Amino acid sequence: MDECPRCQSPLERFSLGDAETLACNGCGFADVPVEHESKEFRYESWQDAFHRFYEQ
């Protein structure tokens, strides 16, 4: 059985379809790949926000 890299508790294996991951109930560790790149944030005026809202 795999051990948690943080607290050495036993890891549980979860799968859904073809996806599979390991997680620790002890400390909350989850072996999930994460993208850490941030995307450029575009500020929006209230007027633009209202136009976007009413267009949908």
PDB file of N, CA and C in Angstrom:
ATOM      1  N   MET A   1       0.847  -1.188   0.000  1.00  0.00           N
ATOM      2  CA  MET A   1       0.000   0.000   0.000  1.00  0.00           C
ATOM      3  C   MET A   1       0.888   1.244   0.000  1.00  0.00           C
ATOM      4  N   ASP A   2       0.454   2.252  -0.721  1.00  0.00           N
ATOM      5  CA  ASP A   2       1.209   3.500  -0.810  1.00  0.00           C
ATOM      6  C   ASP A   2       1.044   4.325   0.461  1.00  0.00           C
ATOM      7  N   GLU A   3       2.104   5.067   0.799  1.00  0.00           N
ATOM      8  CA  GLU A   3       2.068   5.951   1.962  1.00  0.00           C
ATOM      9  C   GLU A   3       2.039   7.402   1.514  1.00  0.00           C
ATOM     10  N   CYS A   4       1.380   8.249   2.279  1.00  0.00           N
ATOM     11  CA  CYS A   4       1.293   9.674   2.008  1.00  0.00           C
ATOM     12  C   CYS A   4       2.676  10.303   2.123  1.00  0.00           C
ATOM     13  N   PRO A   5       3.073  11.123   1.156  1.00  0.00           N
ATOM     14  CA  PRO A   5       4.378  11.777   1.237  1.00  0.00           C
ATOM     15  C   PRO A   5       4.446  12.846   2.323  1.00  0.00           C
ATOM     16  N   ARG A   6       3.309  13.304   2.813  1.00  0.00           N
ATOM     17  CA  ARG A   6       3.291  14.321   3.872  1.00  0.00           C
ATOM     18  C   ARG A   6       3.297  13.710   5.269  1.00  0.00           C
ATOM     19  N   CYS A   7       2.369  12.775   5.518  1.00  0.00           N
ATOM     20  CA  CYS A   7       2.204  12.287   6.901  1.00  0.00           C
ATOM     21  C   CYS A   7       2.397  10.783   7.050  1.00  0.00           C
ATOM     22  N   GLN A   8       2.738  10.093   5.965  1.00  0.00           N
ATOM     23  CA  GLN A   8       2.996   8.657   5.929  1.00  0.00           C
ATOM     24  C   GLN A   8       1.784   7.798   6.292  1.00  0.00           C
ATOM     25  N   SER A   9       0.576   8.345   6.271  1.00  0.00           N
ATOM     26  CA  SER A   9      -0.643   7.553   6.449  1.00  0.00           C
ATOM     27  C   SER A   9      -0.905   6.768   5.163  1.00  0.00           C
ATOM     28  N   PRO A  10      -1.698   5.716   5.256  1.00  0.00           N
ATOM     29  CA  PRO A  10      -2.041   4.970   4.036  1.00  0.00           C
ATOM     30  C   PRO A  10      -2.865   5.841   3.075  1.00  0.00           C
ATOM     31  N   LEU A  11      -2.564   5.731   1.792  1.00  0.00           N
ATOM     32  CA  LEU A  11      -3.304   6.463   0.771  1.00  0.00           C
ATOM     33  C   LEU A  11      -4.440   5.616   0.234  1.00  0.00           C
ATOM     34  N   GLU A  12      -5.539   6.257  -0.114  1.00  0.00           N
ATOM     35  CA  GLU A  12      -6.651   5.576  -0.756  1.00  0.00           C
ATOM     36  C   GLU A  12      -6.605   5.881  -2.244  1.00  0.00           C
ATOM     37  N   ARG A  13      -6.961   4.903  -3.044  1.00  0.00           N
ATOM     38  CA  ARG A  13      -6.969   5.057  -4.498  1.00  0.00           C
ATOM     39  C   ARG A  13      -8.407   5.273  -4.947  1.00  0.00           C
ATOM     40  N   PHE A  14      -8.611   6.345  -5.716  1.00  0.00           N
ATOM     41  CA  PHE A  14      -9.927   6.660  -6.259  1.00  0.00           C
ATOM     42  C   PHE A  14      -9.833   6.650  -7.775  1.00  0.00           C
ATOM     43  N   SER A  15     -10.873   6.134  -8.426  1.00  0.00           N
ATOM     44  CA  SER A  15     -10.885   6.136  -9.885  1.00  0.00           C
ATOM     45  C   SER A  15     -12.288   6.471 -10.380  1.00  0.00           C
ATOM     46  N   LEU A  16     -12.298   7.130 -11.524  1.00  0.00           N
ATOM     47  CA  LEU A  16     -13.541   7.481 -12.195  1.00  0.00           C
ATOM     48  C   LEU A  16     -13.275   7.350 -13.687  1.00  0.00           C
ATOM     49  N   GLY A  17     -13.863   6.342 -14.293  1.00  0.00           N
ATOM     50  CA  GLY A  17     -13.569   6.083 -15.702  1.00  0.00           C
ATOM     51  C   GLY A  17     -12.107   5.726 -15.869  1.00  0.00           C
ATOM     52  N   ASP A  18     -11.414   6.452 -16.734  1.00  0.00           N
ATOM     53  CA  ASP A  18      -9.989   6.209 -16.971  1.00  0.00           C
ATOM     54  C   ASP A  18      -9.090   6.985 -16.018  1.00  0.00           C
ATOM     55  N   ALA A  19      -9.655   7.922 -15.258  1.00  0.00           N
ATOM     56  CA  ALA A  19      -8.857   8.759 -14.351  1.00  0.00           C
ATOM     57  C   ALA A  19      -8.707   8.063 -13.003  1.00  0.00           C
ATOM     58  N   GLU A  20      -7.513   8.214 -12.423  1.00  0.00           N
ATOM     59  CA  GLU A  20      -7.226   7.610 -11.117  1.00  0.00           C
ATOM     60  C   GLU A  20      -6.329   8.540 -10.320  1.00  0.00           C
ATOM     61  N   THR A  21      -6.550   8.619  -9.008  1.00  0.00           N
ATOM     62  CA  THR A  21      -5.705   9.452  -8.152  1.00  0.00           C
ATOM     63  C   THR A  21      -5.586   8.817  -6.778  1.00  0.00           C
ATOM     64  N   LEU A  22      -4.613   9.284  -6.014  1.00  0.00           N
ATOM     65  CA  LEU A  22      -4.411   8.847  -4.637  1.00  0.00           C
ATOM     66  C   LEU A  22      -4.736  10.007  -3.705  1.00  0.00           C
ATOM     67  N   ALA A  23      -5.303   9.695  -2.543  1.00  0.00           N
ATOM     68  CA  ALA A  23      -5.651  10.740  -1.579  1.00  0.00           C
ATOM     69  C   ALA A  23      -5.435  10.231  -0.165  1.00  0.00           C
ATOM     70  N   CYS A  24      -5.167  11.165   0.747  1.00  0.00           N
ATOM     71  CA  CYS A  24      -4.932  10.851   2.153  1.00  0.00           C
ATOM     72  C   CYS A  24      -6.047  11.444   3.007  1.00  0.00           C
ATOM     73  N   ASN A  25      -6.693  10.616   3.793  1.00  0.00           N
ATOM     74  CA  ASN A  25      -7.731  11.106   4.714  1.00  0.00           C
ATOM     75  C   ASN A  25      -7.120  11.793   5.926  1.00  0.00           C
ATOM     76  N   GLY A  26      -5.860  11.490   6.217  1.00  0.00           N
ATOM     77  CA  GLY A  26      -5.209  12.057   7.391  1.00  0.00           C
ATOM     78  C   GLY A  26      -4.902  13.540   7.270  1.00  0.00           C
ATOM     79  N   CYS A  27      -4.272  13.929   6.146  1.00  0.00           N
ATOM     80  CA  CYS A  27      -3.848  15.330   6.015  1.00  0.00           C
ATOM     81  C   CYS A  27      -4.498  16.053   4.844  1.00  0.00           C
ATOM     82  N   GLY A  28      -5.252  15.338   4.009  1.00  0.00           N
ATOM     83  CA  GLY A  28      -5.922  15.981   2.892  1.00  0.00           C
ATOM     84  C   GLY A  28      -5.111  16.011   1.611  1.00  0.00           C
ATOM     85  N   PHE A  29      -3.937  15.388   1.600  1.00  0.00           N
ATOM     86  CA  PHE A  29      -3.120  15.346   0.385  1.00  0.00           C
ATOM     87  C   PHE A  29      -3.899  14.669  -0.732  1.00  0.00           C
ATOM     88  N   ALA A  30      -3.816  15.221  -1.940  1.00  0.00           N
ATOM     89  CA  ALA A  30      -4.405  14.597  -3.121  1.00  0.00           C
ATOM     90  C   ALA A  30      -3.384  14.659  -4.246  1.00  0.00           C
ATOM     91  N   ASP A  31      -3.137  13.539  -4.862  1.00  0.00           N
ATOM     92  CA  ASP A  31      -2.161  13.455  -5.945  1.00  0.00           C
ATOM     93  C   ASP A  31      -2.850  13.830  -7.253  1.00  0.00           C
ATOM     94  N   VAL A  32      -3.141  15.141  -7.395  1.00  0.00           N
ATOM     95  CA  VAL A  32      -3.845  15.654  -8.567  1.00  0.00           C
ATOM     96  C   VAL A  32      -2.953  16.675  -9.251  1.00  0.00           C
ATOM     97  N   PRO A  33      -2.703  16.493 -10.553  1.00  0.00           N
ATOM     98  CA  PRO A  33      -1.874  17.483 -11.250  1.00  0.00           C
ATOM     99  C   PRO A  33      -2.590  18.829 -11.320  1.00  0.00           C
ATOM    100  N   VAL A  34      -1.832  19.897 -11.113  1.00  0.00           N
ATOM    101  CA  VAL A  34      -2.399  21.244 -11.087  1.00  0.00           C
ATOM    102  C   VAL A  34      -1.582  22.147 -12.004  1.00  0.00           C
ATOM    103  N   GLU A  35      -2.262  22.982 -12.751  1.00  0.00           N
ATOM    104  CA  GLU A  35      -1.581  23.964 -13.587  1.00  0.00           C
ATOM    105  C   GLU A  35      -1.459  25.246 -12.772  1.00  0.00           C
ATOM    106  N   HIS A  36      -0.227  25.719 -12.587  1.00  0.00           N
ATOM    107  CA  HIS A  36       0.007  26.883 -11.737  1.00  0.00           C
ATOM    108  C   HIS A  36       0.191  28.180 -12.515  1.00  0.00           C
ATOM    109  N   GLU A  37       0.002  28.144 -13.814  1.00  0.00           N
ATOM    110  CA  GLU A  37       0.133  29.361 -14.604  1.00  0.00           C
ATOM    111  C   GLU A  37      -1.130  30.199 -14.460  1.00  0.00           C
ATOM    112  N   SER A  38      -0.944  31.477 -14.242  1.00  0.00           N
ATOM    113  CA  SER A  38      -2.108  32.352 -14.163  1.00  0.00           C
ATOM    114  C   SER A  38      -2.341  33.002 -15.515  1.00  0.00           C
ATOM    115  N   LYS A  39      -3.581  33.223 -15.804  1.00  0.00           N
ATOM    116  CA  LYS A  39      -3.939  33.884 -17.046  1.00  0.00           C
ATOM    117  C   LYS A  39      -4.087  35.364 -16.780  1.00  0.00           C
ATOM    118  N   GLU A  40      -3.788  36.155 -17.794  1.00  0.00           N
ATOM    119  CA  GLU A  40      -3.879  37.600 -17.647  1.00  0.00           C
ATOM    120  C   GLU A  40      -5.324  37.983 -17.353  1.00  0.00           C
ATOM    121  N   PHE A  41      -5.523  38.738 -16.297  1.00  0.00           N
ATOM    122  CA  PHE A  41      -6.862  39.155 -15.892  1.00  0.00           C
ATOM    123  C   PHE A  41      -7.221  40.445 -16.605  1.00  0.00           C
ATOM    124  N   ARG A  42      -8.372  40.459 -17.223  1.00  0.00           N
ATOM    125  CA  ARG A  42      -8.842  41.638 -17.932  1.00  0.00           C
ATOM    126  C   ARG A  42      -9.910  42.296 -17.075  1.00  0.00           C
ATOM    127  N   TYR A  43      -9.666  43.541 -16.676  1.00  0.00           N
ATOM    128  CA  TYR A  43     -10.659  44.266 -15.891  1.00  0.00           C
ATOM    129  C   TYR A  43     -11.809  44.673 -16.784  1.00  0.00           C
ATOM    130  N   GLU A  44     -12.971  44.664 -16.222  1.00  0.00           N
ATOM    131  CA  GLU A  44     -14.177  44.938 -16.979  1.00  0.00           C
ATOM    132  C   GLU A  44     -14.948  46.056 -16.281  1.00  0.00           C
ATOM    133  N   SER A  45     -15.413  47.004 -17.061  1.00  0.00           N
ATOM    134  CA  SER A  45     -16.195  48.096 -16.474  1.00  0.00           C
ATOM    135  C   SER A  45     -17.593  47.564 -16.137  1.00  0.00           C
ATOM    136  N   TRP A  46     -18.298  48.286 -15.280  1.00  0.00           N
ATOM    137  CA  TRP A  46     -19.672  47.907 -14.954  1.00  0.00           C
ATOM    138  C   TRP A  46     -20.525  47.901 -16.224  1.00  0.00           C
ATOM    139  N   GLN A  47     -20.315  48.872 -17.088  1.00  0.00           N
ATOM    140  CA  GLN A  47     -21.097  48.952 -18.320  1.00  0.00           C
ATOM    141  C   GLN A  47     -20.858  47.710 -19.188  1.00  0.00           C
ATOM    142  N   ASP A  48     -19.597  47.297 -19.333  1.00  0.00           N
ATOM    143  CA  ASP A  48     -19.278  46.092 -20.101  1.00  0.00           C
ATOM    144  C   ASP A  48     -19.896  44.854 -19.458  1.00  0.00           C
ATOM    145  N   ALA A  49     -19.862  44.783 -18.133  1.00  0.00           N
ATOM    146  CA  ALA A  49     -20.440  43.640 -17.423  1.00  0.00           C
ATOM    147  C   ALA A  49     -21.943  43.561 -17.659  1.00  0.00           C
ATOM    148  N   PHE A  50     -22.642  44.700 -17.604  1.00  0.00           N
ATOM    149  CA  PHE A  50     -24.081  44.699 -17.858  1.00  0.00           C
ATOM    150  C   PHE A  50     -24.385  44.296 -19.297  1.00  0.00           C
ATOM    151  N   HIS A  51     -23.586  44.779 -20.250  1.00  0.00           N
ATOM    152  CA  HIS A  51     -23.782  44.405 -21.649  1.00  0.00           C
ATOM    153  C   HIS A  51     -23.591  42.881 -21.811  1.00  0.00           C
ATOM    154  N   ARG A  52     -22.554  42.336 -21.199  1.00  0.00           N
ATOM    155  CA  ARG A  52     -22.286  40.907 -21.288  1.00  0.00           C
ATOM    156  C   ARG A  52     -23.430  40.121 -20.666  1.00  0.00           C
ATOM    157  N   PHE A  53     -23.947  40.588 -19.531  1.00  0.00           N
ATOM    158  CA  PHE A  53     -25.038  39.902 -18.840  1.00  0.00           C
ATOM    159  C   PHE A  53     -26.309  39.876 -19.695  1.00  0.00           C
ATOM    160  N   TYR A  54     -26.654  41.010 -20.276  1.00  0.00           N
ATOM    161  CA  TYR A  54     -27.910  41.099 -21.022  1.00  0.00           C
ATOM    162  C   TYR A  54     -27.817  40.486 -22.414  1.00  0.00           C
ATOM    163  N   GLU A  55     -26.602  40.274 -22.925  1.00  0.00           N
ATOM    164  CA  GLU A  55     -26.452  39.629 -24.223  1.00  0.00           C
ATOM    165  C   GLU A  55     -26.699  38.126 -24.149  1.00  0.00           C
ATOM    166  N   GLN A  56     -26.514  37.541 -22.976  1.00  0.00           N
ATOM    167  CA  GLN A  56     -26.651  36.067 -22.846  1.00  0.00           C
ATOM    168  C   GLN A  56     -28.063  35.650 -22.605  1.00  0.00           C
TER     169      GLN A  56
END
